[in-house]
């Protein structure tokens, strides 16, 4: 997609913040451009990491998440404040890359599994026929064994069973299925150096020396087919190819959203946390580019795109150590939301709150209608409460909508109610007492 097309896609879910959309769209397109340049220059082109600056609830996280979905890229969101300097108790920053690789392997495996579902289903049917074949008479399969030529008995019976399975005639029959037990003990290595995060455990190390426990279960045929199809699909997938593809995607298209980066910046008073600067220094090599050991092999972080964000209320980007500032050359300030923005957020995005509540209430066979005046009033109240209390951005709309429709959602289903009409008067009536009482407003809204 071109940058313009990327921005149009983002507009479907995020209102405003045009500068931020423009920056991330260029960053995403640059990854494709990098793949087109000659190989000797390709390795030299580094991603332009971005810092998104703005209060909570204005769309920073949503921007990065939607960007990753557009590119079908491995994406992980982490809070910078949960990491500590090496030597302190807590997670080390390299676990970000290990977690990203785990997610990528899971994502790629799901894609590969989807491709082999048809073949896996055929193989599952064959296995189910083998399970049913020894005793078809005991299952009451409507097969007259006396009418079958002994020479063709097996083939005739297999065809009959196969067709009945496909037509769903045997779905509710009970069969005995042998499955691997999920209750085998798992002994993990616990150490302060992140080995447990790499997933190394005694069972992995010993491998074949620890035979898999199996158990016999009695299940319905359709449940057994689903289980067998999963087993066969996993056999058809080449895990080595999955891992190679996953690591390639992480290295070339991975996106890390580093939230709350302002929490590891030194504030004006210096702050009591001695590991803040240490976390920043630990982040440097990962963001700049290093080799990280994972349970799937070595992964390079050179071309992973890092998008950091923070409110920077008590600190500013310049409070970060100079080396880390240099790793984030692009800085974009996101604007606080206005009443008009709230009005658009309620109605325009594909996942707008009014669309969500309309769909929820429709499940009770009830229609809900919001007048233009009601939408304007909800937006005005959200804006004013954000100005008077903490500014939590668009999340304020969730609180107000929940309080506004609480009684309606509680009373449903009700055969006497077919239509709920939400107008300006209803909004004011529901929220007036809370808004007028400043203490109550801060507590509830």
Protein backbone atom coordinates (compact mmCIF):
# COMPACT_ATOMS: atom_id res chain seq x y z
CA UNK A 1 0.00 0.00 0.00
CA UNK A 2 1.07 3.57 -0.66
CA UNK A 3 1.30 6.00 2.29
CA UNK A 4 -1.98 7.59 1.17
CA UNK A 5 -3.74 4.22 1.16
CA UNK A 6 -2.31 3.38 4.59
CA UNK A 7 -3.66 6.65 6.02
CA UNK A 8 -7.10 5.96 4.52
CA UNK A 9 -7.14 2.54 6.20
CA UNK A 10 -6.13 4.08 9.54
CA UNK A 11 -8.88 6.71 9.16
CA UNK A 12 -11.45 3.94 9.46
CA UNK A 13 -10.44 3.35 13.08
CA UNK A 14 -8.66 6.47 14.34
CA UNK A 15 -10.04 10.01 14.25
CA UNK A 16 -7.68 12.93 13.64
CA UNK A 17 -3.93 12.73 14.46
CA UNK A 18 -3.01 13.32 10.81
CA UNK A 19 0.68 14.01 11.54
CA UNK A 20 1.09 10.72 13.41
CA UNK A 21 -0.69 8.77 10.67
CA UNK A 22 1.55 10.34 8.06
CA UNK A 23 4.72 9.41 9.97
CA UNK A 24 3.78 5.78 10.57
CA UNK A 25 2.53 5.39 6.98
CA UNK A 26 5.91 6.55 5.65
CA UNK A 27 7.71 4.22 8.08
CA UNK A 28 5.64 1.27 6.87
CA UNK A 29 6.11 2.07 3.18
CA UNK A 30 9.87 2.49 3.74
CA UNK A 31 10.08 -1.18 4.71
CA UNK A 32 8.79 -2.18 1.27
CA UNK A 33 11.12 0.35 -0.37
CA UNK A 34 14.07 -1.11 1.51
CA UNK A 35 13.33 -4.57 0.10
CA UNK A 36 13.57 -3.17 -3.44
CA UNK A 37 17.03 -1.57 -3.16
CA UNK A 38 20.23 -3.49 -4.08
CA UNK A 39 21.26 -6.04 -1.48
CA UNK A 40 24.59 -4.39 -0.63
CA UNK A 41 22.75 -1.20 0.40
CA UNK A 42 19.73 -2.91 1.94
CA UNK A 43 21.48 -3.81 5.20
CA UNK A 44 22.61 -0.22 5.67
CA UNK A 45 19.09 1.27 5.63
CA UNK A 46 17.86 1.44 9.21
CA UNK A 47 14.24 2.00 10.26
CA UNK A 48 13.30 5.48 11.45
CA UNK A 49 11.93 4.76 14.91
CA UNK A 50 9.16 7.03 16.13
CA UNK A 51 8.19 8.59 19.47
CA UNK A 52 4.49 9.42 19.79
CA UNK A 53 3.96 12.15 22.39
CA UNK A 54 0.50 12.83 23.77
CA UNK A 55 -1.93 12.20 26.63
CA UNK A 56 -3.55 8.83 27.19
CA UNK A 57 -6.54 7.83 25.10
CA UNK A 58 -5.73 9.82 21.94
CA UNK A 59 -4.91 6.80 19.75
CA UNK A 60 -1.19 6.05 20.20
CA UNK A 61 -1.54 2.32 20.88
CA UNK A 62 -4.37 1.88 18.38
CA UNK A 63 -2.22 3.52 15.71
CA UNK A 64 0.60 1.00 16.15
CA UNK A 65 -1.74 -1.99 16.46
CA UNK A 66 -3.68 -1.14 13.28
CA UNK A 67 -0.41 -0.51 11.45
CA UNK A 68 0.81 -4.01 12.29
CA UNK A 69 -2.49 -5.55 11.12
CA UNK A 70 -2.26 -3.74 7.78
CA UNK A 71 1.20 -5.20 7.20
CA UNK A 72 0.35 -8.59 8.74
CA UNK A 73 3.52 -8.05 10.75
CA UNK A 74 4.55 -9.57 14.10
CA UNK A 75 3.55 -6.97 16.68
CA UNK A 76 4.04 -6.72 20.42
CA UNK A 77 3.08 -4.02 22.90
CA UNK A 78 5.21 -3.73 26.03
CA UNK A 79 5.41 -1.25 28.89
CA UNK A 80 8.89 0.18 29.36
CA UNK A 81 8.22 0.56 33.08
CA UNK A 82 8.12 -3.20 33.69
CA UNK A 83 11.75 -3.71 32.72
CA UNK A 84 14.70 -3.28 35.04
CA UNK A 85 18.42 -2.85 34.63
CA UNK A 86 20.39 -6.10 34.45
CA UNK A 87 21.23 -7.06 38.01
CA UNK A 88 17.89 -5.98 39.46
CA UNK A 89 14.89 -8.25 39.96
CA UNK A 90 12.64 -8.04 36.91
CA UNK A 91 12.51 -8.76 33.19
CA UNK A 92 15.45 -7.93 30.96
CA UNK A 93 14.82 -5.98 27.77
CA UNK A 94 15.87 -8.82 25.44
CA UNK A 95 12.69 -10.64 26.49
CA UNK A 96 10.87 -8.18 24.18
CA UNK A 97 12.45 -9.85 21.14
CA UNK A 98 11.91 -13.36 22.55
CA UNK A 99 8.21 -12.61 23.09
CA UNK A 100 7.96 -11.14 19.58
CA UNK A 101 9.48 -14.29 18.07
CA UNK A 102 7.07 -16.49 20.05
CA UNK A 103 4.14 -14.48 18.67
CA UNK A 104 5.53 -14.68 15.13
CA UNK A 105 5.95 -18.47 15.30
CA UNK A 106 2.38 -18.82 16.55
CA UNK A 107 1.10 -16.51 13.78
CA UNK A 108 2.99 -18.28 10.99
CA UNK A 109 2.01 -21.73 12.30
CA UNK A 110 -1.66 -20.69 12.21
CA UNK A 111 -1.29 -19.55 8.60
CA UNK A 112 0.42 -22.78 7.55
CA UNK A 113 -2.17 -24.84 9.42
CA UNK A 114 -4.98 -23.07 7.56
CA UNK A 115 -3.42 -24.02 4.22
CA UNK A 116 -3.38 -27.76 4.97
CA UNK A 117 -6.84 -28.05 6.54
CA UNK A 118 -8.42 -29.78 3.52
CA UNK A 119 -5.68 -32.40 3.30
CA UNK A 120 -5.72 -32.85 7.10
CA UNK A 121 -9.49 -33.42 7.01
CA UNK A 122 -9.13 -36.19 4.42
CA UNK A 123 -6.43 -37.86 6.51
CA UNK A 124 -8.59 -37.51 9.64
CA UNK A 125 -11.46 -39.24 7.82
CA UNK A 126 -9.17 -42.11 6.86
CA UNK A 127 -8.01 -42.50 10.47
CA UNK A 128 -11.59 -42.40 11.72
CA UNK A 129 -12.56 -45.15 9.28
CA UNK A 130 -9.71 -47.27 10.66
CA UNK A 131 -11.00 -46.66 14.20
CA UNK A 132 -14.59 -47.58 13.28
CA UNK A 133 -13.77 -50.51 11.00
CA UNK A 134 -13.10 -53.27 13.57
CA UNK A 135 -16.62 -53.22 15.01
CA UNK A 136 -19.15 -51.54 12.72
CA UNK A 137 -22.00 -53.72 13.96
CA UNK A 138 -21.48 -52.55 17.55
CA UNK A 139 -21.97 -48.95 16.43
CA UNK A 140 -25.29 -49.62 14.71
CA UNK A 141 -24.08 -48.25 11.37
CA UNK A 142 -26.90 -49.83 9.32
CA UNK A 143 -24.53 -52.10 7.42
CA UNK A 144 -25.83 -55.55 6.54
CA UNK A 145 -22.70 -57.68 6.75
CA UNK A 146 -24.49 -60.70 5.24
CA UNK A 147 -25.03 -58.85 1.97
CA UNK A 148 -21.36 -57.97 1.52
CA UNK A 149 -19.13 -60.15 -0.64
CA UNK A 150 -16.37 -61.44 1.70
CA UNK A 151 -13.75 -60.53 -0.91
CA UNK A 152 -14.92 -56.92 -1.08
CA UNK A 153 -15.92 -56.68 2.57
CA UNK A 154 -13.23 -54.26 3.69
CA UNK A 155 -13.51 -51.93 0.72
CA UNK A 156 -17.31 -51.85 0.81
CA UNK A 157 -17.31 -51.19 4.51
CA UNK A 158 -14.69 -48.45 4.22
CA UNK A 159 -16.65 -46.66 1.49
CA UNK A 160 -19.86 -46.91 3.49
CA UNK A 161 -18.22 -45.52 6.64
CA UNK A 162 -16.44 -42.80 4.67
CA UNK A 163 -19.68 -41.56 3.09
CA UNK A 164 -21.53 -41.67 6.40
CA UNK A 165 -18.79 -39.64 8.07
CA UNK A 166 -18.87 -36.99 5.33
CA UNK A 167 -22.68 -36.76 5.53
CA UNK A 168 -22.55 -36.37 9.31
CA UNK A 169 -24.64 -39.50 9.93
CA UNK A 170 -22.21 -40.76 12.59
CA UNK A 171 -21.54 -37.45 14.39
CA UNK A 172 -23.24 -38.47 17.63
CA UNK A 173 -21.79 -42.00 17.81
CA UNK A 174 -19.32 -42.62 20.64
CA UNK A 175 -15.81 -43.85 19.83
CA UNK A 176 -12.73 -44.52 21.93
CA UNK A 177 -9.85 -42.25 21.01
CA UNK A 178 -6.26 -42.42 22.21
CA UNK A 179 -4.80 -38.99 22.85
CA UNK A 180 -1.65 -37.58 24.39
CA UNK A 181 -2.05 -36.66 28.04
CA UNK A 182 -1.82 -32.97 28.90
CA UNK A 183 -1.21 -33.69 32.57
CA UNK A 184 2.47 -34.69 32.36
CA UNK A 185 4.58 -32.76 34.87
CA UNK A 186 6.59 -29.87 33.46
CA UNK A 187 9.74 -28.94 35.35
CA UNK A 188 11.06 -25.52 34.39
CA UNK A 189 14.48 -24.07 34.98
CA UNK A 190 14.09 -20.96 37.10
CA UNK A 191 17.00 -18.55 36.88
CA UNK A 192 17.53 -14.78 36.95
CA UNK A 193 19.09 -14.62 33.48
CA UNK A 194 16.00 -15.12 31.37
CA UNK A 195 16.42 -18.83 30.56
CA UNK A 196 12.87 -19.55 31.67
CA UNK A 197 11.63 -16.93 29.21
CA UNK A 198 13.33 -18.83 26.40
CA UNK A 199 11.09 -21.77 27.23
CA UNK A 200 13.85 -24.20 28.06
CA UNK A 201 12.58 -26.93 30.33
CA UNK A 202 13.57 -30.41 31.37
CA UNK A 203 11.15 -32.00 28.91
CA UNK A 204 12.73 -30.10 25.98
CA UNK A 205 16.22 -31.10 27.05
CA UNK A 206 15.49 -34.79 27.56
CA UNK A 207 13.19 -35.05 24.54
CA UNK A 208 12.65 -38.64 23.41
CA UNK A 209 13.98 -39.97 26.73
CA UNK A 210 10.66 -38.96 28.29
CA UNK A 211 7.94 -40.88 26.41
CA UNK A 212 4.62 -39.13 25.90
CA UNK A 213 1.82 -40.36 28.12
CA UNK A 214 -1.38 -41.30 26.32
CA UNK A 215 -4.89 -41.76 27.59
CA UNK A 216 -8.02 -43.27 26.12
CA UNK A 217 -11.12 -41.10 25.98
CA UNK A 218 -14.66 -41.79 24.84
CA UNK A 219 -15.87 -38.93 22.65
CA UNK A 220 -18.42 -38.30 19.95
CA UNK A 221 -17.31 -38.88 16.38
CA UNK A 222 -17.47 -35.22 15.36
CA UNK A 223 -15.27 -34.24 18.35
CA UNK A 224 -12.81 -37.02 17.50
CA UNK A 225 -12.66 -35.81 13.88
CA UNK A 226 -11.74 -32.28 15.00
CA UNK A 227 -8.98 -33.66 17.22
CA UNK A 228 -7.64 -35.95 14.49
CA UNK A 229 -7.71 -33.13 11.95
CA UNK A 230 -5.56 -30.99 14.28
CA UNK A 231 -3.11 -33.85 14.74
CA UNK A 232 -2.82 -34.48 11.02
CA UNK A 233 -2.44 -30.76 10.26
CA UNK A 234 0.48 -30.53 12.69
CA UNK A 235 2.14 -33.50 10.94
CA UNK A 236 1.79 -31.82 7.55
CA UNK A 237 3.54 -28.64 8.71
CA UNK A 238 7.31 -28.35 8.48
CA UNK A 239 8.13 -26.60 11.77
CA UNK A 240 11.64 -25.76 10.60
CA UNK A 241 10.14 -23.83 7.70
CA UNK A 242 7.66 -22.16 10.06
CA UNK A 243 10.50 -21.02 12.34
CA UNK A 244 12.58 -19.74 9.42
CA UNK A 245 9.63 -17.77 8.07
CA UNK A 246 8.77 -16.41 11.54
CA UNK A 247 12.32 -15.24 12.22
CA UNK A 248 12.48 -13.62 8.77
CA UNK A 249 9.24 -11.74 9.45
CA UNK A 250 10.45 -10.58 12.86
CA UNK A 251 13.77 -9.36 11.47
CA UNK A 252 12.31 -7.65 8.40
CA UNK A 253 8.80 -6.52 9.41
CA UNK A 254 8.54 -6.82 13.22
CA UNK A 255 7.01 -3.90 15.13
CA UNK A 256 7.57 -3.23 18.84
CA UNK A 257 5.31 -0.70 20.55
CA UNK A 258 7.19 0.57 23.60
CA UNK A 259 4.59 2.26 25.80
CA UNK A 260 5.20 4.49 28.83
CA UNK A 261 8.73 5.34 27.76
CA UNK A 262 8.39 8.59 29.73
CA UNK A 263 8.29 6.49 32.93
CA UNK A 264 11.95 5.53 32.47
CA UNK A 265 13.06 9.12 31.77
CA UNK A 266 14.59 11.06 34.63
CA UNK A 267 12.13 13.67 35.88
CA UNK A 268 13.22 17.14 36.96
CA UNK A 269 13.77 16.01 40.55
CA UNK A 270 15.90 13.04 39.50
CA UNK A 271 13.47 10.48 40.91
CA UNK A 272 14.22 7.69 43.39
CA UNK A 273 14.43 4.84 40.87
CA UNK A 274 18.12 4.13 40.31
CA UNK A 275 17.48 1.70 37.46
CA UNK A 276 15.74 4.15 35.10
CA UNK A 277 18.89 5.16 33.26
CA UNK A 278 20.05 1.54 33.38
CA UNK A 279 16.91 0.41 31.52
CA UNK A 280 17.52 3.06 28.89
CA UNK A 281 21.10 1.86 28.42
CA UNK A 282 19.92 -1.77 28.18
CA UNK A 283 17.39 -0.75 25.52
CA UNK A 284 20.06 0.92 23.39
CA UNK A 285 21.63 -2.20 21.80
CA UNK A 286 18.25 -3.85 21.22
CA UNK A 287 16.90 -0.79 19.40
CA UNK A 288 20.14 -0.05 17.59
CA UNK A 289 20.55 -3.66 16.49
CA UNK A 290 21.91 -6.71 18.23
CA UNK A 291 21.70 -10.50 18.17
CA UNK A 292 19.24 -11.94 20.69
CA UNK A 293 19.30 -15.62 21.66
CA UNK A 294 15.84 -17.22 21.56
CA UNK A 295 14.74 -20.83 21.78
CA UNK A 296 14.31 -20.76 17.99
CA UNK A 297 17.84 -19.49 17.30
CA UNK A 298 19.61 -16.18 16.93
CA UNK A 299 17.47 -13.19 15.94
CA UNK A 300 18.78 -9.82 14.71
CA UNK A 301 16.92 -6.73 15.88
CA UNK A 302 18.59 -4.31 13.40
CA UNK A 303 15.53 -3.71 11.22
CA UNK A 304 12.70 -4.08 13.74
CA UNK A 305 10.60 -0.91 13.87
CA UNK A 306 10.28 0.55 17.37
CA UNK A 307 7.41 2.92 18.07
CA UNK A 308 7.64 4.47 21.53
CA UNK A 309 4.96 6.50 23.23
CA UNK A 310 4.48 8.48 26.37
CA UNK A 311 2.43 11.28 27.86
CA UNK A 312 5.55 13.12 29.09
CA UNK A 313 3.60 15.02 31.76
CA UNK A 314 6.42 15.23 34.32
CA UNK A 315 9.30 14.70 31.92
CA UNK A 316 10.12 15.47 28.31
CA UNK A 317 11.83 13.53 25.49
CA UNK A 318 15.03 15.47 26.09
CA UNK A 319 15.19 13.89 29.58
CA UNK A 320 16.01 10.56 27.97
CA UNK A 321 19.71 9.82 27.66
CA UNK A 322 21.14 11.33 24.43
CA UNK A 323 22.01 7.94 22.93
CA UNK A 324 18.39 6.75 23.24
CA UNK A 325 17.06 10.02 21.84
CA UNK A 326 19.22 9.41 18.79
CA UNK A 327 17.56 6.02 18.23
CA UNK A 328 14.17 7.77 17.83
CA UNK A 329 14.78 10.43 15.17
CA UNK A 330 11.08 11.01 14.42
CA UNK A 331 8.90 12.65 17.07
CA UNK A 332 5.21 13.31 16.59
CA UNK A 333 2.94 15.14 19.00
CA UNK A 334 -0.63 13.89 19.15
CA UNK A 335 -3.32 16.44 19.90
CA UNK A 336 -5.76 16.30 22.79
CA UNK A 337 -9.27 15.42 21.64
CA UNK A 338 -11.88 18.14 21.18
CA UNK A 339 -15.66 17.85 21.55
CA UNK A 340 -15.92 17.58 17.75
CA UNK A 341 -13.39 14.72 17.80
CA UNK A 342 -15.45 12.89 20.42
CA UNK A 343 -18.54 13.31 18.24
CA UNK A 344 -16.74 11.75 15.28
CA UNK A 345 -15.27 8.95 17.44
CA UNK A 346 -18.77 7.98 18.53
CA UNK A 347 -20.06 7.53 14.98
CA UNK A 348 -17.42 7.34 12.23
CA UNK A 349 -14.91 4.53 12.93
CA UNK A 350 -15.75 0.94 11.96
CA UNK A 351 -15.62 0.03 15.65
CA UNK A 352 -17.43 3.16 16.91
CA UNK A 353 -19.02 2.88 20.35
CA UNK A 354 -22.52 3.62 19.10
CA UNK A 355 -22.18 0.84 16.50
CA UNK A 356 -20.97 -1.52 19.24
CA UNK A 357 -23.89 -0.79 21.59
CA UNK A 358 -26.37 -0.95 18.70
CA UNK A 359 -25.12 -4.45 17.86
CA UNK A 360 -25.12 -5.56 21.51
CA UNK A 361 -28.69 -4.42 22.12
CA UNK A 362 -29.85 -5.90 18.79
CA UNK A 363 -29.04 -9.35 20.22
CA UNK A 364 -32.07 -8.84 22.51
CA UNK A 365 -34.28 -8.03 19.47
CA UNK A 366 -34.38 -4.37 20.48
CA UNK A 367 -33.39 -1.38 18.36
CA UNK A 368 -31.61 1.64 19.80
CA UNK A 369 -31.54 5.05 18.15
CA UNK A 370 -29.28 7.97 19.08
CA UNK A 371 -30.42 11.43 18.00
CA UNK A 372 -27.91 13.99 16.73
CA UNK A 373 -28.53 16.05 19.86
CA UNK A 374 -27.76 13.07 22.11
CA UNK A 375 -24.46 12.39 20.35
CA UNK A 376 -23.43 16.06 20.64
CA UNK A 377 -24.33 16.08 24.34
CA UNK A 378 -22.36 12.89 25.07
CA UNK A 379 -19.35 14.37 23.26
CA UNK A 380 -19.66 17.68 25.13
CA UNK A 381 -19.86 15.96 28.52
CA UNK A 382 -16.86 13.74 27.73
CA UNK A 383 -14.81 16.77 26.72
CA UNK A 384 -15.76 18.83 29.79
CA UNK A 385 -15.13 16.01 32.25
CA UNK A 386 -11.71 15.44 30.66
CA UNK A 387 -10.93 19.13 31.14
CA UNK A 388 -12.11 19.21 34.77
CA UNK A 389 -10.79 15.83 35.90
CA UNK A 390 -7.97 13.66 34.50
CA UNK A 391 -7.68 13.75 30.71
CA UNK A 392 -8.05 10.10 29.69
CA UNK A 393 -8.97 10.85 26.09
CA UNK A 394 -11.44 8.67 24.21
CA UNK A 395 -11.62 6.19 27.09
CA UNK A 396 -13.91 8.70 28.83
CA UNK A 397 -16.59 7.84 26.27
CA UNK A 398 -16.63 4.22 27.50
CA UNK A 399 -17.37 5.41 31.04
CA UNK A 400 -20.12 7.81 29.99
CA UNK A 401 -21.81 5.37 27.58
CA UNK A 402 -21.74 2.63 30.19
CA UNK A 403 -23.39 4.88 32.80
CA UNK A 404 -25.90 6.22 30.27
CA UNK A 405 -27.12 2.79 29.12
CA UNK A 406 -26.70 0.90 32.40
CA UNK A 407 -30.43 0.68 33.19
CA UNK A 408 -31.33 -0.28 29.60
CA UNK A 409 -28.78 -3.08 29.52
CA UNK A 410 -29.94 -4.33 32.91
CA UNK A 411 -33.67 -4.38 32.03
CA UNK A 412 -33.22 -6.29 28.77
CA UNK A 413 -34.58 -8.66 27.61
CA UNK A 414 -38.04 -7.18 28.01
CA UNK A 415 -40.87 -8.11 25.63
CA UNK A 416 -42.46 -4.67 26.14
CA UNK A 417 -39.42 -2.82 24.81
CA UNK A 418 -38.87 -2.76 21.05
CA UNK A 419 -37.12 0.58 20.62
CA UNK A 420 -34.85 2.66 22.85
CA UNK A 421 -34.67 6.30 21.81
CA UNK A 422 -31.67 8.14 23.24
CA UNK A 423 -32.10 11.92 22.94
CA UNK A 424 -30.44 14.96 24.50
CA UNK A 425 -32.98 15.11 27.33
CA UNK A 426 -32.30 11.48 28.32
CA UNK A 427 -28.53 12.06 28.31
CA UNK A 428 -28.87 15.12 30.52
CA UNK A 429 -31.30 13.35 32.85
CA UNK A 430 -29.03 10.34 33.33
CA UNK A 431 -25.79 12.29 33.80
CA UNK A 432 -26.86 15.66 35.25
CA UNK A 433 -26.58 14.68 38.93
CA UNK A 434 -23.17 13.16 38.46
CA UNK A 435 -21.82 16.12 36.49
CA UNK A 436 -23.12 18.78 38.90
CA UNK A 437 -21.57 17.07 41.92
CA UNK A 438 -17.85 17.59 41.35
CA UNK A 439 -16.74 14.99 43.92
CA UNK A 440 -19.18 12.41 42.52
CA UNK A 441 -18.14 13.27 38.98
CA UNK A 442 -14.47 12.59 39.69
CA UNK A 443 -15.37 9.34 41.46
CA UNK A 444 -17.75 7.93 38.84
CA UNK A 445 -16.70 9.53 35.57
